[in-house]
C-alpha cells in the first residue's frame, strides 16, 4: 500500500470521526450559537478532505488499497448512520 494513500485515508477517517462527534454535540444543543463557527470550519475542512479523496480516485488502487478503502468507508458510513447524519 502506498504510504500517501494510507495517510490520506487515515486523515479522511479522522475528519469524519471528529465531524460525527461534533454533529452529535450540535444536535443536542442546536441553539448554541457558539457551535456555528465550529460548523463553518467543518464545512471548509469537508471540502478540503473530499478534494484529497478525489485525487486518490485514479483507478489504480491495488488489492490492499482497495480493501483498506472499503474498510475505512464502511467504518465512516457506520459512524454517520449511528450519528443519524
PDB file of N, CA and C in Angstrom:
ATOM      1  N   UNK A   1       0.854  -1.174   0.000  1.00  0.00           N
ATOM      2  CA  UNK A   1       0.000   0.000   0.000  1.00  0.00           C
ATOM      3  C   UNK A   1       0.898   1.234   0.000  1.00  0.00           C
ATOM      4  N   UNK A   2       0.556   2.165  -0.853  1.00  0.00           N
ATOM      5  CA  UNK A   2       1.330   3.408  -0.909  1.00  0.00           C
ATOM      6  C   UNK A   2       1.129   4.192   0.393  1.00  0.00           C
ATOM      7  N   UNK A   3       2.218   4.693   0.990  1.00  0.00           N
ATOM      8  CA  UNK A   3       2.103   5.434   2.250  1.00  0.00           C
ATOM      9  C   UNK A   3       1.192   6.656   2.131  1.00  0.00           C
ATOM     10  N   UNK A   4       1.244   7.373   1.019  1.00  0.00           N
ATOM     11  CA  UNK A   4       0.406   8.562   0.858  1.00  0.00           C
ATOM     12  C   UNK A   4      -1.074   8.189   0.754  1.00  0.00           C
ATOM     13  N   UNK A   5      -1.357   7.013   0.216  1.00  0.00           N
ATOM     14  CA  UNK A   5      -2.729   6.526   0.136  1.00  0.00           C
ATOM     15  C   UNK A   5      -3.281   6.284   1.530  1.00  0.00           C
ATOM     16  N   UNK A   6      -2.520   5.540   2.331  1.00  0.00           N
ATOM     17  CA  UNK A   6      -2.952   5.241   3.707  1.00  0.00           C
ATOM     18  C   UNK A   6      -3.072   6.517   4.521  1.00  0.00           C
ATOM     19  N   UNK A   7      -2.130   7.412   4.373  1.00  0.00           N
ATOM     20  CA  UNK A   7      -2.161   8.677   5.118  1.00  0.00           C
ATOM     21  C   UNK A   7      -3.409   9.488   4.770  1.00  0.00           C
ATOM     22  N   UNK A   8      -3.754   9.542   3.496  1.00  0.00           N
ATOM     23  CA  UNK A   8      -4.941  10.286   3.074  1.00  0.00           C
ATOM     24  C   UNK A   8      -6.205   9.647   3.628  1.00  0.00           C
ATOM     25  N   UNK A   9      -6.297   8.330   3.567  1.00  0.00           N
ATOM     26  CA  UNK A   9      -7.483   7.658   4.098  1.00  0.00           C
ATOM     27  C   UNK A   9      -7.580   7.785   5.616  1.00  0.00           C
ATOM     28  N   UNK A  10      -6.457   7.720   6.294  1.00  0.00           N
ATOM     29  CA  UNK A  10      -6.478   7.893   7.748  1.00  0.00           C
ATOM     30  C   UNK A  10      -6.946   9.297   8.107  1.00  0.00           C
ATOM     31  N   UNK A  11      -6.498  10.271   7.353  1.00  0.00           N
ATOM     32  CA  UNK A  11      -6.920  11.658   7.569  1.00  0.00           C
ATOM     33  C   UNK A  11      -8.414  11.816   7.286  1.00  0.00           C
ATOM     34  N   UNK A  12      -8.880  11.156   6.244  1.00  0.00           N
ATOM     35  CA  UNK A  12     -10.300  11.149   5.866  1.00  0.00           C
ATOM     36  C   UNK A  12     -11.146  10.589   7.007  1.00  0.00           C
ATOM     37  N   UNK A  13     -10.718   9.471   7.554  1.00  0.00           N
ATOM     38  CA  UNK A  13     -11.455   8.851   8.660  1.00  0.00           C
ATOM     39  C   UNK A  13     -11.396   9.727   9.916  1.00  0.00           C
ATOM     40  N   UNK A  14     -10.246  10.295  10.202  1.00  0.00           N
ATOM     41  CA  UNK A  14     -10.122  11.186  11.361  1.00  0.00           C
ATOM     42  C   UNK A  14     -11.083  12.361  11.248  1.00  0.00           C
ATOM     43  N   UNK A  15     -11.167  12.939  10.050  1.00  0.00           N
ATOM     44  CA  UNK A  15     -12.079  14.056   9.850  1.00  0.00           C
ATOM     45  C   UNK A  15     -13.511  13.636  10.163  1.00  0.00           C
ATOM     46  N   UNK A  16     -13.957  12.517   9.618  1.00  0.00           N
ATOM     47  CA  UNK A  16     -15.344  12.103   9.835  1.00  0.00           C
ATOM     48  C   UNK A  16     -15.602  11.687  11.276  1.00  0.00           C
ATOM     49  N   UNK A  17     -14.612  11.148  11.964  1.00  0.00           N
ATOM     50  CA  UNK A  17     -14.776  10.853  13.388  1.00  0.00           C
ATOM     51  C   UNK A  17     -15.034  12.138  14.168  1.00  0.00           C
ATOM     52  N   UNK A  18     -14.229  13.155  13.893  1.00  0.00           N
ATOM     53  CA  UNK A  18     -14.400  14.447  14.567  1.00  0.00           C
ATOM     54  C   UNK A  18     -15.726  15.103  14.173  1.00  0.00           C
ATOM     55  N   UNK A  19     -16.052  15.036  12.904  1.00  0.00           N
ATOM     56  CA  UNK A  19     -17.288  15.640  12.405  1.00  0.00           C
ATOM     57  C   UNK A  19     -18.517  14.996  13.055  1.00  0.00           C
ATOM     58  N   UNK A  20     -18.535  13.682  13.128  1.00  0.00           N
ATOM     59  CA  UNK A  20     -19.682  12.995  13.741  1.00  0.00           C
ATOM     60  C   UNK A  20     -19.802  13.337  15.223  1.00  0.00           C
ATOM     61  N   UNK A  21     -18.680  13.389  15.920  1.00  0.00           N
ATOM     62  CA  UNK A  21     -18.713  13.787  17.330  1.00  0.00           C
ATOM     63  C   UNK A  21     -19.255  15.204  17.474  1.00  0.00           C
ATOM     64  N   UNK A  22     -18.806  16.099  16.592  1.00  0.00           N
ATOM     65  CA  UNK A  22     -19.292  17.471  16.631  1.00  0.00           C
ATOM     66  C   UNK A  22     -20.790  17.523  16.342  1.00  0.00           C
ATOM     67  N   UNK A  23     -21.250  16.802  15.323  1.00  0.00           N
ATOM     68  CA  UNK A  23     -22.662  16.864  14.948  1.00  0.00           C
ATOM     69  C   UNK A  23     -23.561  16.310  16.046  1.00  0.00           C
ATOM     70  N   UNK A  24     -23.092  15.326  16.778  1.00  0.00           N
ATOM     71  CA  UNK A  24     -23.870  14.841  17.922  1.00  0.00           C
ATOM     72  C   UNK A  24     -24.031  15.968  18.937  1.00  0.00           C
ATOM     73  N   UNK A  25     -22.938  16.666  19.211  1.00  0.00           N
ATOM     74  CA  UNK A  25     -22.976  17.794  20.150  1.00  0.00           C
ATOM     75  C   UNK A  25     -23.886  18.897  19.603  1.00  0.00           C
ATOM     76  N   UNK A  26     -23.775  19.174  18.333  1.00  0.00           N
ATOM     77  CA  UNK A  26     -24.581  20.209  17.687  1.00  0.00           C
ATOM     78  C   UNK A  26     -26.070  19.855  17.749  1.00  0.00           C
ATOM     79  N   UNK A  27     -26.403  18.599  17.478  1.00  0.00           N
ATOM     80  CA  UNK A  27     -27.805  18.165  17.513  1.00  0.00           C
ATOM     81  C   UNK A  27     -28.389  18.208  18.908  1.00  0.00           C
ATOM     82  N   UNK A  28     -27.550  18.036  19.921  1.00  0.00           N
ATOM     83  CA  UNK A  28     -28.017  18.102  21.306  1.00  0.00           C
ATOM     84  C   UNK A  28     -28.271  19.538  21.747  1.00  0.00           C
ATOM     85  N   UNK A  29     -27.596  20.493  21.128  1.00  0.00           N
ATOM     86  CA  UNK A  29     -27.718  21.903  21.507  1.00  0.00           C
ATOM     87  C   UNK A  29     -27.826  22.781  20.248  1.00  0.00           C
ATOM     88  N   UNK A  30     -28.893  22.624  19.462  1.00  0.00           N
ATOM     89  CA  UNK A  30     -28.986  23.348  18.188  1.00  0.00           C
ATOM     90  C   UNK A  30     -29.072  24.866  18.342  1.00  0.00           C
ATOM     91  N   UNK A  31     -29.392  25.339  19.521  1.00  0.00           N
ATOM     92  CA  UNK A  31     -29.498  26.784  19.732  1.00  0.00           C
ATOM     93  C   UNK A  31     -28.226  27.412  20.294  1.00  0.00           C
ATOM     94  N   UNK A  32     -27.190  26.605  20.464  1.00  0.00           N
ATOM     95  CA  UNK A  32     -25.921  27.100  20.978  1.00  0.00           C
ATOM     96  C   UNK A  32     -25.168  27.793  19.844  1.00  0.00           C
ATOM     97  N   UNK A  33     -25.230  29.094  19.831  1.00  0.00           N
ATOM     98  CA  UNK A  33     -24.642  29.877  18.745  1.00  0.00           C
ATOM     99  C   UNK A  33     -23.124  29.726  18.658  1.00  0.00           C
ATOM    100  N   UNK A  34     -22.489  29.365  19.752  1.00  0.00           N
ATOM    101  CA  UNK A  34     -21.030  29.199  19.717  1.00  0.00           C
ATOM    102  C   UNK A  34     -20.610  28.045  18.813  1.00  0.00           C
ATOM    103  N   UNK A  35     -21.527  27.128  18.533  1.00  0.00           N
ATOM    104  CA  UNK A  35     -21.202  25.978  17.703  1.00  0.00           C
ATOM    105  C   UNK A  35     -21.230  26.305  16.206  1.00  0.00           C
ATOM    106  N   UNK A  36     -21.862  27.398  15.832  1.00  0.00           N
ATOM    107  CA  UNK A  36     -21.987  27.717  14.412  1.00  0.00           C
ATOM    108  C   UNK A  36     -20.639  28.037  13.769  1.00  0.00           C
ATOM    109  N   UNK A  37     -19.765  28.699  14.468  1.00  0.00           N
ATOM    110  CA  UNK A  37     -18.432  28.981  13.950  1.00  0.00           C
ATOM    111  C   UNK A  37     -17.656  27.700  13.706  1.00  0.00           C
ATOM    112  N   UNK A  38     -17.797  26.789  14.635  1.00  0.00           N
ATOM    113  CA  UNK A  38     -17.136  25.495  14.503  1.00  0.00           C
ATOM    114  C   UNK A  38     -17.715  24.728  13.304  1.00  0.00           C
ATOM    115  N   UNK A  39     -19.015  24.840  13.117  1.00  0.00           N
ATOM    116  CA  UNK A  39     -19.674  24.172  11.995  1.00  0.00           C
ATOM    117  C   UNK A  39     -19.127  24.691  10.661  1.00  0.00           C
ATOM    118  N   UNK A  40     -18.952  25.995  10.562  1.00  0.00           N
ATOM    119  CA  UNK A  40     -18.404  26.597   9.341  1.00  0.00           C
ATOM    120  C   UNK A  40     -16.994  26.052   9.073  1.00  0.00           C
ATOM    121  N   UNK A  41     -16.212  25.884  10.115  1.00  0.00           N
ATOM    122  CA  UNK A  41     -14.868  25.307   9.957  1.00  0.00           C
ATOM    123  C   UNK A  41     -14.943  23.881   9.411  1.00  0.00           C
ATOM    124  N   UNK A  42     -15.904  23.100   9.898  1.00  0.00           N
ATOM    125  CA  UNK A  42     -16.056  21.740   9.407  1.00  0.00           C
ATOM    126  C   UNK A  42     -16.449  21.720   7.930  1.00  0.00           C
ATOM    127  N   UNK A  43     -17.278  22.659   7.513  1.00  0.00           N
ATOM    128  CA  UNK A  43     -17.646  22.724   6.096  1.00  0.00           C
ATOM    129  C   UNK A  43     -16.424  22.978   5.221  1.00  0.00           C
ATOM    130  N   UNK A  44     -15.556  23.853   5.685  1.00  0.00           N
ATOM    131  CA  UNK A  44     -14.328  24.139   4.952  1.00  0.00           C
ATOM    132  C   UNK A  44     -13.418  22.908   4.928  1.00  0.00           C
ATOM    133  N   UNK A  45     -13.276  22.264   6.076  1.00  0.00           N
ATOM    134  CA  UNK A  45     -12.445  21.062   6.161  1.00  0.00           C
ATOM    135  C   UNK A  45     -13.024  19.944   5.296  1.00  0.00           C
ATOM    136  N   UNK A  46     -14.350  19.876   5.224  1.00  0.00           N
ATOM    137  CA  UNK A  46     -15.012  18.861   4.408  1.00  0.00           C
ATOM    138  C   UNK A  46     -14.606  19.014   2.942  1.00  0.00           C
ATOM    139  N   UNK A  47     -14.660  20.229   2.446  1.00  0.00           N
ATOM    140  CA  UNK A  47     -14.286  20.476   1.050  1.00  0.00           C
ATOM    141  C   UNK A  47     -12.849  20.059   0.787  1.00  0.00           C
ATOM    142  N   UNK A  48     -11.975  20.415   1.701  1.00  0.00           N
ATOM    143  CA  UNK A  48     -10.561  20.059   1.556  1.00  0.00           C
ATOM    144  C   UNK A  48     -10.364  18.544   1.602  1.00  0.00           C
ATOM    145  N   UNK A  49     -11.014  17.896   2.550  1.00  0.00           N
ATOM    146  CA  UNK A  49     -10.890  16.447   2.715  1.00  0.00           C
ATOM    147  C   UNK A  49     -11.414  15.711   1.488  1.00  0.00           C
ATOM    148  N   UNK A  50     -12.562  16.124   0.985  1.00  0.00           N
ATOM    149  CA  UNK A  50     -13.134  15.450  -0.171  1.00  0.00           C
ATOM    150  C   UNK A  50     -12.281  15.678  -1.423  1.00  0.00           C
ATOM    151  N   UNK A  51     -11.652  16.823  -1.508  1.00  0.00           N
ATOM    152  CA  UNK A  51     -10.742  17.084  -2.625  1.00  0.00           C
ATOM    153  C   UNK A  51      -9.571  16.118  -2.619  1.00  0.00           C
ATOM    154  N   UNK A  52      -9.021  15.868  -1.433  1.00  0.00           N
ATOM    155  CA  UNK A  52      -7.895  14.928  -1.309  1.00  0.00           C
ATOM    156  C   UNK A  52      -8.331  13.503  -1.662  1.00  0.00           C
ATOM    157  N   UNK A  53      -9.536  13.137  -1.243  1.00  0.00           N
ATOM    158  CA  UNK A  53     -10.050  11.807  -1.570  1.00  0.00           C
ATOM    159  C   UNK A  53     -10.275  11.691  -3.072  1.00  0.00           C
ATOM    160  N   UNK A  54     -10.779  12.740  -3.678  1.00  0.00           N
ATOM    161  CA  UNK A  54     -10.996  12.735  -5.120  1.00  0.00           C
ATOM    162  C   UNK A  54      -9.716  12.538  -5.898  1.00  0.00           C
ATOM    163  N   UNK A  55      -8.623  13.037  -5.379  1.00  0.00           N
ATOM    164  CA  UNK A  55      -7.329  12.872  -6.039  1.00  0.00           C
ATOM    165  C   UNK A  55      -6.854  11.425  -6.015  1.00  0.00           C
ATOM    166  N   UNK A  56      -7.353  10.639  -5.062  1.00  0.00           N
ATOM    167  CA  UNK A  56      -6.963   9.229  -4.980  1.00  0.00           C
ATOM    168  C   UNK A  56      -7.644   8.389  -6.045  1.00  0.00           C
ATOM    169  N   UNK A  57      -8.740   8.855  -6.553  1.00  0.00           N
ATOM    170  CA  UNK A  57      -9.535   8.072  -7.494  1.00  0.00           C
ATOM    171  C   UNK A  57      -8.895   8.087  -8.875  1.00  0.00           C
ATOM    172  N   UNK A  58      -7.754   7.457  -8.951  1.00  0.00           N
ATOM    173  CA  UNK A  58      -7.045   7.410 -10.224  1.00  0.00           C
ATOM    174  C   UNK A  58      -7.209   6.061 -10.918  1.00  0.00           C
ATOM    175  N   UNK A  59      -8.058   5.211 -10.358  1.00  0.00           N
ATOM    176  CA  UNK A  59      -8.321   3.914 -10.955  1.00  0.00           C
ATOM    177  C   UNK A  59      -7.174   2.925 -10.840  1.00  0.00           C
ATOM    178  N   UNK A  60      -6.205   3.231 -10.007  1.00  0.00           N
ATOM    179  CA  UNK A  60      -5.037   2.375  -9.921  1.00  0.00           C
ATOM    180  C   UNK A  60      -4.797   1.846  -8.512  1.00  0.00           C
ATOM    181  N   UNK A  61      -5.851   1.595  -7.772  1.00  0.00           N
ATOM    182  CA  UNK A  61      -5.681   1.025  -6.442  1.00  0.00           C
ATOM    183  C   UNK A  61      -5.299  -0.444  -6.582  1.00  0.00           C
ATOM    184  N   UNK A  62      -4.326  -0.849  -5.781  1.00  0.00           N
ATOM    185  CA  UNK A  62      -4.014  -2.275  -5.750  1.00  0.00           C
ATOM    186  C   UNK A  62      -4.990  -2.960  -4.788  1.00  0.00           C
ATOM    187  N   UNK A  63      -4.904  -4.266  -4.669  1.00  0.00           N
ATOM    188  CA  UNK A  63      -5.851  -5.021  -3.840  1.00  0.00           C
ATOM    189  C   UNK A  63      -5.835  -4.577  -2.380  1.00  0.00           C
ATOM    190  N   UNK A  64      -4.646  -4.356  -1.832  1.00  0.00           N
ATOM    191  CA  UNK A  64      -4.535  -3.932  -0.429  1.00  0.00           C
ATOM    192  C   UNK A  64      -5.169  -2.556  -0.232  1.00  0.00           C
ATOM    193  N   UNK A  65      -4.949  -1.671  -1.186  1.00  0.00           N
ATOM    194  CA  UNK A  65      -5.524  -0.323  -1.085  1.00  0.00           C
ATOM    195  C   UNK A  65      -7.047  -0.377  -1.203  1.00  0.00           C
ATOM    196  N   UNK A  66      -7.548  -1.178  -2.122  1.00  0.00           N
ATOM    197  CA  UNK A  66      -8.999  -1.304  -2.281  1.00  0.00           C
ATOM    198  C   UNK A  66      -9.628  -1.860  -1.005  1.00  0.00           C
ATOM    199  N   UNK A  67      -8.986  -2.862  -0.427  1.00  0.00           N
ATOM    200  CA  UNK A  67      -9.501  -3.446   0.822  1.00  0.00           C
ATOM    201  C   UNK A  67      -9.515  -2.391   1.932  1.00  0.00           C
ATOM    202  N   UNK A  68      -8.440  -1.652   2.068  1.00  0.00           N
ATOM    203  CA  UNK A  68      -8.366  -0.632   3.114  1.00  0.00           C
ATOM    204  C   UNK A  68      -9.384   0.481   2.860  1.00  0.00           C
ATOM    205  N   UNK A  69      -9.528   0.890   1.613  1.00  0.00           N
ATOM    206  CA  UNK A  69     -10.510   1.913   1.249  1.00  0.00           C
ATOM    207  C   UNK A  69     -11.925   1.476   1.658  1.00  0.00           C
ATOM    208  N   UNK A  70     -12.271   0.238   1.356  1.00  0.00           N
ATOM    209  CA  UNK A  70     -13.593  -0.280   1.718  1.00  0.00           C
ATOM    210  C   UNK A  70     -13.773  -0.360   3.233  1.00  0.00           C
ATOM    211  N   UNK A  71     -12.740  -0.782   3.945  1.00  0.00           N
ATOM    212  CA  UNK A  71     -12.821  -0.845   5.409  1.00  0.00           C
ATOM    213  C   UNK A  71     -13.056   0.541   5.996  1.00  0.00           C
ATOM    214  N   UNK A  72     -12.297   1.520   5.523  1.00  0.00           N
ATOM    215  CA  UNK A  72     -12.417   2.889   6.050  1.00  0.00           C
ATOM    216  C   UNK A  72     -13.787   3.470   5.720  1.00  0.00           C
ATOM    217  N   UNK A  73     -14.214   3.345   4.473  1.00  0.00           N
ATOM    218  CA  UNK A  73     -15.509   3.925   4.110  1.00  0.00           C
ATOM    219  C   UNK A  73     -16.659   3.225   4.830  1.00  0.00           C
ATOM    220  N   UNK A  74     -16.538   1.934   5.074  1.00  0.00           N
ATOM    221  CA  UNK A  74     -17.574   1.235   5.851  1.00  0.00           C
ATOM    222  C   UNK A  74     -17.631   1.741   7.286  1.00  0.00           C
ATOM    223  N   UNK A  75     -16.472   1.955   7.894  1.00  0.00           N
ATOM    224  CA  UNK A  75     -16.455   2.489   9.270  1.00  0.00           C
ATOM    225  C   UNK A  75     -17.072   3.893   9.302  1.00  0.00           C
ATOM    226  N   UNK A  76     -16.724   4.707   8.319  1.00  0.00           N
ATOM    227  CA  UNK A  76     -17.265   6.070   8.261  1.00  0.00           C
ATOM    228  C   UNK A  76     -18.776   6.020   8.078  1.00  0.00           C
ATOM    229  N   UNK A  77     -19.247   5.204   7.161  1.00  0.00           N
ATOM    230  CA  UNK A  77     -20.685   5.107   6.922  1.00  0.00           C
ATOM    231  C   UNK A  77     -21.434   4.648   8.157  1.00  0.00           C
ATOM    232  N   UNK A  78     -20.862   3.685   8.870  1.00  0.00           N
ATOM    233  CA  UNK A  78     -21.494   3.221  10.119  1.00  0.00           C
ATOM    234  C   UNK A  78     -21.570   4.356  11.129  1.00  0.00           C
ATOM    235  N   UNK A  79     -20.483   5.111  11.254  1.00  0.00           N
ATOM    236  CA  UNK A  79     -20.470   6.213  12.213  1.00  0.00           C
ATOM    237  C   UNK A  79     -21.501   7.282  11.818  1.00  0.00           C
ATOM    238  N   UNK A  80     -21.623   7.563  10.520  1.00  0.00           N
ATOM    239  CA  UNK A  80     -22.616   8.536  10.062  1.00  0.00           C
ATOM    240  C   UNK A  80     -24.041   8.048  10.348  1.00  0.00           C
ATOM    241  N   UNK A  81     -24.270   6.773  10.142  1.00  0.00           N
ATOM    242  CA  UNK A  81     -25.596   6.212  10.438  1.00  0.00           C
ATOM    243  C   UNK A  81     -25.869   6.269  11.936  1.00  0.00           C
ATOM    244  N   UNK A  82     -24.889   5.896  12.737  1.00  0.00           N
ATOM    245  CA  UNK A  82     -25.051   5.930  14.194  1.00  0.00           C
ATOM    246  C   UNK A  82     -25.323   7.338  14.693  1.00  0.00           C
ATOM    247  N   UNK A  83     -24.724   8.322  14.026  1.00  0.00           N
ATOM    248  CA  UNK A  83     -24.940   9.709  14.418  1.00  0.00           C
ATOM    249  C   UNK A  83     -26.194  10.283  13.772  1.00  0.00           C
ATOM    250  N   UNK A  84     -26.862   9.465  12.948  1.00  0.00           N
ATOM    251  CA  UNK A  84     -28.082   9.875  12.239  1.00  0.00           C
ATOM    252  C   UNK A  84     -27.837  11.100  11.360  1.00  0.00           C
ATOM    253  N   UNK A  85     -26.727  11.067  10.622  1.00  0.00           N
ATOM    254  CA  UNK A  85     -26.397  12.170   9.726  1.00  0.00           C
ATOM    255  C   UNK A  85     -26.616  11.762   8.306  1.00  0.00           C
TER     256      UNK A  85
END
